Amino acid sequence: MLGEKMPQTFANHARFVPLFHFVLFGALVLNLFYRLYVVIRYFHWGAVIDLLLAAALVLFAFAVRTFDARLQDRIIRLEMRLRLQRLLPAELQPRIAELTPGQLIALRFAPDAEVPGLVAEVLAGRLTKGSEIKQRIQTWEPDYFRV
Protein backbone atom coordinates (compact mmCIF):
# COMPACT_ATOMS: atom_id res chain seq x y z
CA MET A 1 0.00 0.00 0.00
CA LEU A 2 1.05 3.56 -0.60
CA GLY A 3 2.87 5.11 2.36
CA GLU A 4 3.64 1.81 4.07
CA LYS A 5 7.23 0.83 4.64
CA MET A 6 8.51 -2.39 3.16
CA PRO A 7 8.95 -4.98 5.92
CA GLN A 8 12.58 -5.08 7.00
CA THR A 9 14.43 -8.40 7.08
CA PHE A 10 18.01 -9.66 7.23
CA ALA A 11 18.04 -9.70 3.43
CA ASN A 12 17.05 -6.05 2.97
CA HIS A 13 18.11 -4.21 6.14
CA ALA A 14 21.22 -2.54 4.69
CA ARG A 15 20.51 1.11 4.03
CA PHE A 16 21.38 2.87 0.79
CA VAL A 17 20.43 6.47 0.21
CA PRO A 18 20.38 6.76 -3.59
CA LEU A 19 20.92 10.52 -3.63
CA PHE A 20 24.08 10.15 -1.52
CA HIS A 21 25.46 6.73 -2.45
CA PHE A 22 24.88 6.88 -6.19
CA VAL A 23 24.26 10.46 -7.32
CA LEU A 24 26.51 12.56 -5.07
CA PHE A 25 29.28 10.04 -4.51
CA GLY A 26 29.13 8.95 -8.16
CA ALA A 27 29.48 12.55 -9.36
CA LEU A 28 32.44 13.13 -7.04
CA VAL A 29 34.22 9.97 -8.24
CA LEU A 30 33.52 10.83 -11.87
CA ASN A 31 34.95 14.30 -11.26
CA LEU A 32 38.04 12.75 -9.65
CA PHE A 33 38.68 10.56 -12.70
CA TYR A 34 38.15 13.50 -15.04
CA ARG A 35 40.61 15.64 -13.05
CA LEU A 36 43.14 12.79 -13.17
CA TYR A 37 42.68 12.57 -16.96
CA VAL A 38 43.25 16.32 -17.28
CA VAL A 39 46.48 16.12 -15.23
CA ILE A 40 47.80 13.26 -17.35
CA ARG A 41 46.71 14.69 -20.72
CA TYR A 42 47.28 18.44 -20.22
CA PHE A 43 49.64 18.72 -17.27
CA HIS A 44 49.72 22.08 -15.53
CA TRP A 45 49.80 23.05 -11.86
CA GLY A 46 46.22 24.29 -11.84
CA ALA A 47 45.08 20.85 -12.94
CA VAL A 48 47.09 19.27 -10.10
CA ILE A 49 45.31 21.54 -7.60
CA ASP A 50 41.96 20.57 -9.15
CA LEU A 51 42.89 16.88 -8.81
CA LEU A 52 43.84 17.33 -5.15
CA LEU A 53 40.56 19.12 -4.48
CA ALA A 54 38.59 16.38 -6.27
CA ALA A 55 40.36 13.72 -4.17
CA ALA A 56 39.65 15.72 -1.01
CA LEU A 57 35.94 15.91 -1.88
CA VAL A 58 35.72 12.13 -2.37
CA LEU A 59 37.48 11.57 0.97
CA PHE A 60 35.21 14.13 2.62
CA ALA A 61 32.05 12.39 1.36
CA PHE A 62 33.38 9.05 2.59
CA ALA A 63 34.27 10.55 5.99
CA VAL A 64 30.85 12.14 6.40
CA ARG A 65 29.18 8.78 5.86
CA THR A 66 31.61 7.06 8.22
CA PHE A 67 31.18 9.63 10.98
CA ASP A 68 27.39 9.40 11.12
CA ALA A 69 27.45 5.60 10.98
CA ARG A 70 29.98 5.48 13.85
CA LEU A 71 27.85 7.82 15.93
CA GLN A 72 24.80 5.68 15.24
CA ASP A 73 26.74 2.58 16.31
CA ARG A 74 27.69 4.24 19.61
CA ILE A 75 24.06 5.12 20.28
CA ILE A 76 22.91 1.58 19.43
CA ARG A 77 25.53 0.10 21.76
CA LEU A 78 24.29 2.32 24.61
CA GLU A 79 20.68 1.48 23.80
CA MET A 80 21.45 -2.25 23.77
CA ARG A 81 23.38 -2.19 27.05
CA LEU A 82 20.42 -0.53 28.73
CA ARG A 83 18.01 -2.93 27.06
CA LEU A 84 20.09 -5.96 28.08
CA GLN A 85 20.15 -4.82 31.72
CA ARG A 86 16.36 -4.88 31.61
CA LEU A 87 15.91 -8.14 29.66
CA LEU A 88 18.66 -10.52 30.75
CA PRO A 89 18.44 -12.82 33.76
CA ALA A 90 20.61 -11.80 36.71
CA GLU A 91 23.31 -14.40 35.94
CA LEU A 92 23.93 -12.99 32.44
CA GLN A 93 23.87 -9.27 33.29
CA PRO A 94 27.48 -9.13 34.53
CA ARG A 95 28.60 -10.55 31.16
CA ILE A 96 27.10 -7.75 29.03
CA ALA A 97 30.58 -6.20 28.76
CA GLU A 98 31.81 -9.36 26.98
CA LEU A 99 29.63 -8.62 23.95
CA THR A 100 31.46 -6.96 21.07
CA PRO A 101 30.12 -3.80 19.42
CA GLY A 102 29.18 -5.83 16.32
CA GLN A 103 27.25 -8.33 18.42
CA LEU A 104 25.39 -5.57 20.26
CA ILE A 105 24.50 -3.89 16.97
CA ALA A 106 23.24 -7.18 15.52
CA LEU A 107 21.11 -7.86 18.60
CA ARG A 108 19.36 -4.54 17.98
CA PHE A 109 17.05 -6.23 15.47
CA ALA A 110 15.86 -8.95 17.89
CA PRO A 111 12.58 -8.55 19.75
CA ASP A 112 12.67 -8.53 23.56
CA ALA A 113 11.48 -12.13 23.80
CA GLU A 114 14.39 -13.45 21.67
CA VAL A 115 17.20 -11.36 23.18
CA PRO A 116 18.02 -13.50 26.27
CA GLY A 117 18.32 -16.69 24.21
CA LEU A 118 20.47 -15.05 21.56
CA VAL A 119 22.75 -13.47 24.16
CA ALA A 120 23.14 -16.84 25.90
CA GLU A 121 24.20 -18.39 22.57
CA VAL A 122 26.65 -15.56 21.89
CA LEU A 123 28.21 -15.85 25.34
CA ALA A 124 28.43 -19.65 24.95
CA GLY A 125 30.42 -19.10 21.73
CA ARG A 126 27.81 -20.61 19.39
CA LEU A 127 27.20 -17.28 17.64
CA THR A 128 30.09 -14.90 17.08
CA LYS A 129 29.47 -12.77 14.00
CA GLY A 130 26.81 -10.12 13.64
CA SER A 131 25.50 -11.77 10.49
CA GLU A 132 25.05 -15.09 12.35
CA ILE A 133 23.08 -13.35 15.08
CA LYS A 134 20.87 -11.51 12.59
CA GLN A 135 20.14 -14.73 10.68
CA ARG A 136 18.95 -16.44 13.88
CA ILE A 137 16.37 -13.76 14.65
CA GLN A 138 12.89 -15.21 14.19
CA THR A 139 10.82 -12.01 14.36
CA TRP A 140 12.77 -9.11 12.90
CA GLU A 141 12.41 -5.75 14.67
CA PRO A 142 12.89 -3.14 11.95
CA ASP A 143 14.94 0.01 12.45
CA TYR A 144 13.73 2.59 9.96
CA PHE A 145 15.60 5.47 11.64
CA ARG A 146 19.14 4.33 10.96
CA VAL A 147 21.48 6.35 8.78
C-alpha atoms as a PDB file:
ATOM      1  CA  MET A   1       0.000   0.000   0.000  1.00  0.00           C
ATOM      2  CA  LEU A   2       1.055   3.559  -0.597  1.00  0.00           C
ATOM      3  CA  GLY A   3       2.865   5.112   2.357  1.00  0.00           C
ATOM      4  CA  GLU A   4       3.636   1.814   4.073  1.00  0.00           C
ATOM      5  CA  LYS A   5       7.225   0.831   4.636  1.00  0.00           C
ATOM      6  CA  MET A   6       8.512  -2.388   3.156  1.00  0.00           C
ATOM      7  CA  PRO A   7       8.948  -4.977   5.921  1.00  0.00           C
ATOM      8  CA  GLN A   8      12.580  -5.080   7.004  1.00  0.00           C
ATOM      9  CA  THR A   9      14.431  -8.398   7.081  1.00  0.00           C
ATOM     10  CA  PHE A  10      18.007  -9.661   7.228  1.00  0.00           C
ATOM     11  CA  ALA A  11      18.041  -9.702   3.426  1.00  0.00           C
ATOM     12  CA  ASN A  12      17.055  -6.048   2.973  1.00  0.00           C
ATOM     13  CA  HIS A  13      18.115  -4.206   6.145  1.00  0.00           C
ATOM     14  CA  ALA A  14      21.219  -2.538   4.689  1.00  0.00           C
ATOM     15  CA  ARG A  15      20.514   1.112   4.027  1.00  0.00           C
ATOM     16  CA  PHE A  16      21.379   2.873   0.794  1.00  0.00           C
ATOM     17  CA  VAL A  17      20.434   6.473   0.212  1.00  0.00           C
ATOM     18  CA  PRO A  18      20.384   6.755  -3.594  1.00  0.00           C
ATOM     19  CA  LEU A  19      20.917  10.520  -3.631  1.00  0.00           C
ATOM     20  CA  PHE A  20      24.080  10.151  -1.521  1.00  0.00           C
ATOM     21  CA  HIS A  21      25.459   6.728  -2.447  1.00  0.00           C
ATOM     22  CA  PHE A  22      24.879   6.882  -6.185  1.00  0.00           C
ATOM     23  CA  VAL A  23      24.259  10.456  -7.322  1.00  0.00           C
ATOM     24  CA  LEU A  24      26.507  12.563  -5.070  1.00  0.00           C
ATOM     25  CA  PHE A  25      29.282  10.039  -4.509  1.00  0.00           C
ATOM     26  CA  GLY A  26      29.131   8.946  -8.161  1.00  0.00           C
ATOM     27  CA  ALA A  27      29.476  12.554  -9.361  1.00  0.00           C
ATOM     28  CA  LEU A  28      32.440  13.127  -7.044  1.00  0.00           C
ATOM     29  CA  VAL A  29      34.216   9.972  -8.239  1.00  0.00           C
ATOM     30  CA  LEU A  30      33.517  10.833 -11.869  1.00  0.00           C
ATOM     31  CA  ASN A  31      34.952  14.303 -11.261  1.00  0.00           C
ATOM     32  CA  LEU A  32      38.043  12.753  -9.646  1.00  0.00           C
ATOM     33  CA  PHE A  33      38.682  10.563 -12.705  1.00  0.00           C
ATOM     34  CA  TYR A  34      38.153  13.496 -15.037  1.00  0.00           C
ATOM     35  CA  ARG A  35      40.609  15.638 -13.053  1.00  0.00           C
ATOM     36  CA  LEU A  36      43.144  12.792 -13.174  1.00  0.00           C
ATOM     37  CA  TYR A  37      42.676  12.568 -16.958  1.00  0.00           C
ATOM     38  CA  VAL A  38      43.253  16.320 -17.280  1.00  0.00           C
ATOM     39  CA  VAL A  39      46.478  16.124 -15.228  1.00  0.00           C
ATOM     40  CA  ILE A  40      47.797  13.263 -17.354  1.00  0.00           C
ATOM     41  CA  ARG A  41      46.712  14.692 -20.717  1.00  0.00           C
ATOM     42  CA  TYR A  42      47.279  18.440 -20.217  1.00  0.00           C
ATOM     43  CA  PHE A  43      49.641  18.725 -17.269  1.00  0.00           C
ATOM     44  CA  HIS A  44      49.716  22.085 -15.534  1.00  0.00           C
ATOM     45  CA  TRP A  45      49.798  23.045 -11.862  1.00  0.00           C
ATOM     46  CA  GLY A  46      46.217  24.294 -11.844  1.00  0.00           C
ATOM     47  CA  ALA A  47      45.079  20.849 -12.935  1.00  0.00           C
ATOM     48  CA  VAL A  48      47.087  19.270 -10.101  1.00  0.00           C
ATOM     49  CA  ILE A  49      45.315  21.538  -7.596  1.00  0.00           C
ATOM     50  CA  ASP A  50      41.960  20.565  -9.153  1.00  0.00           C
ATOM     51  CA  LEU A  51      42.895  16.885  -8.809  1.00  0.00           C
ATOM     52  CA  LEU A  52      43.842  17.326  -5.152  1.00  0.00           C
ATOM     53  CA  LEU A  53      40.559  19.115  -4.482  1.00  0.00           C
ATOM     54  CA  ALA A  54      38.586  16.378  -6.269  1.00  0.00           C
ATOM     55  CA  ALA A  55      40.364  13.718  -4.172  1.00  0.00           C
ATOM     56  CA  ALA A  56      39.653  15.718  -1.012  1.00  0.00           C
ATOM     57  CA  LEU A  57      35.941  15.911  -1.882  1.00  0.00           C
ATOM     58  CA  VAL A  58      35.716  12.127  -2.370  1.00  0.00           C
ATOM     59  CA  LEU A  59      37.482  11.575   0.966  1.00  0.00           C
ATOM     60  CA  PHE A  60      35.209  14.134   2.623  1.00  0.00           C
ATOM     61  CA  ALA A  61      32.054  12.395   1.364  1.00  0.00           C
ATOM     62  CA  PHE A  62      33.377   9.048   2.588  1.00  0.00           C
ATOM     63  CA  ALA A  63      34.275  10.549   5.986  1.00  0.00           C
ATOM     64  CA  VAL A  64      30.848  12.141   6.405  1.00  0.00           C
ATOM     65  CA  ARG A  65      29.177   8.785   5.860  1.00  0.00           C
ATOM     66  CA  THR A  66      31.608   7.062   8.215  1.00  0.00           C
ATOM     67  CA  PHE A  67      31.181   9.635  10.980  1.00  0.00           C
ATOM     68  CA  ASP A  68      27.395   9.397  11.122  1.00  0.00           C
ATOM     69  CA  ALA A  69      27.451   5.598  10.976  1.00  0.00           C
ATOM     70  CA  ARG A  70      29.977   5.483  13.852  1.00  0.00           C
ATOM     71  CA  LEU A  71      27.850   7.818  15.935  1.00  0.00           C
ATOM     72  CA  GLN A  72      24.804   5.685  15.244  1.00  0.00           C
ATOM     73  CA  ASP A  73      26.739   2.576  16.313  1.00  0.00           C
ATOM     74  CA  ARG A  74      27.688   4.240  19.613  1.00  0.00           C
ATOM     75  CA  ILE A  75      24.057   5.118  20.278  1.00  0.00           C
ATOM     76  CA  ILE A  76      22.907   1.579  19.426  1.00  0.00           C
ATOM     77  CA  ARG A  77      25.532   0.096  21.761  1.00  0.00           C
ATOM     78  CA  LEU A  78      24.293   2.317  24.605  1.00  0.00           C
ATOM     79  CA  GLU A  79      20.676   1.477  23.796  1.00  0.00           C
ATOM     80  CA  MET A  80      21.449  -2.250  23.765  1.00  0.00           C
ATOM     81  CA  ARG A  81      23.382  -2.194  27.049  1.00  0.00           C
ATOM     82  CA  LEU A  82      20.417  -0.531  28.733  1.00  0.00           C
ATOM     83  CA  ARG A  83      18.008  -2.927  27.059  1.00  0.00           C
ATOM     84  CA  LEU A  84      20.087  -5.957  28.078  1.00  0.00           C
ATOM     85  CA  GLN A  85      20.152  -4.822  31.718  1.00  0.00           C
ATOM     86  CA  ARG A  86      16.364  -4.882  31.609  1.00  0.00           C
ATOM     87  CA  LEU A  87      15.910  -8.143  29.656  1.00  0.00           C
ATOM     88  CA  LEU A  88      18.662 -10.523  30.746  1.00  0.00           C
ATOM     89  CA  PRO A  89      18.442 -12.815  33.757  1.00  0.00           C
ATOM     90  CA  ALA A  90      20.613 -11.795  36.711  1.00  0.00           C
ATOM     91  CA  GLU A  91      23.309 -14.396  35.935  1.00  0.00           C
ATOM     92  CA  LEU A  92      23.929 -12.986  32.439  1.00  0.00           C
ATOM     93  CA  GLN A  93      23.869  -9.275  33.292  1.00  0.00           C
ATOM     94  CA  PRO A  94      27.480  -9.128  34.531  1.00  0.00           C
ATOM     95  CA  ARG A  95      28.601 -10.549  31.160  1.00  0.00           C
ATOM     96  CA  ILE A  96      27.103  -7.753  29.033  1.00  0.00           C
ATOM     97  CA  ALA A  97      30.580  -6.203  28.763  1.00  0.00           C
ATOM     98  CA  GLU A  98      31.808  -9.360  26.976  1.00  0.00           C
ATOM     99  CA  LEU A  99      29.627  -8.624  23.952  1.00  0.00           C
ATOM    100  CA  THR A 100      31.458  -6.963  21.073  1.00  0.00           C
ATOM    101  CA  PRO A 101      30.123  -3.802  19.416  1.00  0.00           C
ATOM    102  CA  GLY A 102      29.181  -5.829  16.322  1.00  0.00           C
ATOM    103  CA  GLN A 103      27.248  -8.334  18.419  1.00  0.00           C
ATOM    104  CA  LEU A 104      25.389  -5.566  20.256  1.00  0.00           C
ATOM    105  CA  ILE A 105      24.500  -3.890  16.972  1.00  0.00           C
ATOM    106  CA  ALA A 106      23.238  -7.182  15.518  1.00  0.00           C
ATOM    107  CA  LEU A 107      21.114  -7.857  18.599  1.00  0.00           C
ATOM    108  CA  ARG A 108      19.355  -4.541  17.975  1.00  0.00           C
ATOM    109  CA  PHE A 109      17.050  -6.229  15.468  1.00  0.00           C
ATOM    110  CA  ALA A 110      15.864  -8.950  17.886  1.00  0.00           C
ATOM    111  CA  PRO A 111      12.575  -8.550  19.754  1.00  0.00           C
ATOM    112  CA  ASP A 112      12.672  -8.528  23.559  1.00  0.00           C
ATOM    113  CA  ALA A 113      11.477 -12.134  23.798  1.00  0.00           C
ATOM    114  CA  GLU A 114      14.389 -13.451  21.675  1.00  0.00           C
ATOM    115  CA  VAL A 115      17.199 -11.361  23.179  1.00  0.00           C
ATOM    116  CA  PRO A 116      18.022 -13.498  26.272  1.00  0.00           C
ATOM    117  CA  GLY A 117      18.321 -16.694  24.213  1.00  0.00           C
ATOM    118  CA  LEU A 118      20.473 -15.048  21.559  1.00  0.00           C
ATOM    119  CA  VAL A 119      22.753 -13.465  24.157  1.00  0.00           C
ATOM    120  CA  ALA A 120      23.138 -16.845  25.901  1.00  0.00           C
ATOM    121  CA  GLU A 121      24.198 -18.394  22.572  1.00  0.00           C
ATOM    122  CA  VAL A 122      26.650 -15.562  21.892  1.00  0.00           C
ATOM    123  CA  LEU A 123      28.212 -15.850  25.341  1.00  0.00           C
ATOM    124  CA  ALA A 124      28.433 -19.649  24.945  1.00  0.00           C
ATOM    125  CA  GLY A 125      30.418 -19.102  21.726  1.00  0.00           C
ATOM    126  CA  ARG A 126      27.809 -20.613  19.392  1.00  0.00           C
ATOM    127  CA  LEU A 127      27.198 -17.281  17.642  1.00  0.00           C
ATOM    128  CA  THR A 128      30.091 -14.904  17.081  1.00  0.00           C
ATOM    129  CA  LYS A 129      29.469 -12.769  13.997  1.00  0.00           C
ATOM    130  CA  GLY A 130      26.805 -10.115  13.639  1.00  0.00           C
ATOM    131  CA  SER A 131      25.500 -11.775  10.492  1.00  0.00           C
ATOM    132  CA  GLU A 132      25.054 -15.094  12.354  1.00  0.00           C
ATOM    133  CA  ILE A 133      23.083 -13.352  15.080  1.00  0.00           C
ATOM    134  CA  LYS A 134      20.872 -11.512  12.586  1.00  0.00           C
ATOM    135  CA  GLN A 135      20.143 -14.731  10.681  1.00  0.00           C
ATOM    136  CA  ARG A 136      18.951 -16.436  13.876  1.00  0.00           C
ATOM    137  CA  ILE A 137      16.367 -13.760  14.653  1.00  0.00           C
ATOM    138  CA  GLN A 138      12.893 -15.214  14.188  1.00  0.00           C
ATOM    139  CA  THR A 139      10.824 -12.013  14.356  1.00  0.00           C
ATOM    140  CA  TRP A 140      12.765  -9.108  12.898  1.00  0.00           C
ATOM    141  CA  GLU A 141      12.413  -5.750  14.671  1.00  0.00           C
ATOM    142  CA  PRO A 142      12.893  -3.138  11.947  1.00  0.00           C
ATOM    143  CA  ASP A 143      14.944   0.009  12.448  1.00  0.00           C
ATOM    144  CA  TYR A 144      13.730   2.593   9.957  1.00  0.00           C
ATOM    145  CA  PHE A 145      15.598   5.467  11.640  1.00  0.00           C
ATOM    146  CA  ARG A 146      19.144   4.327  10.964  1.00  0.00           C
ATOM    147  CA  VAL A 147      21.483   6.351   8.780  1.00  0.00           C
END
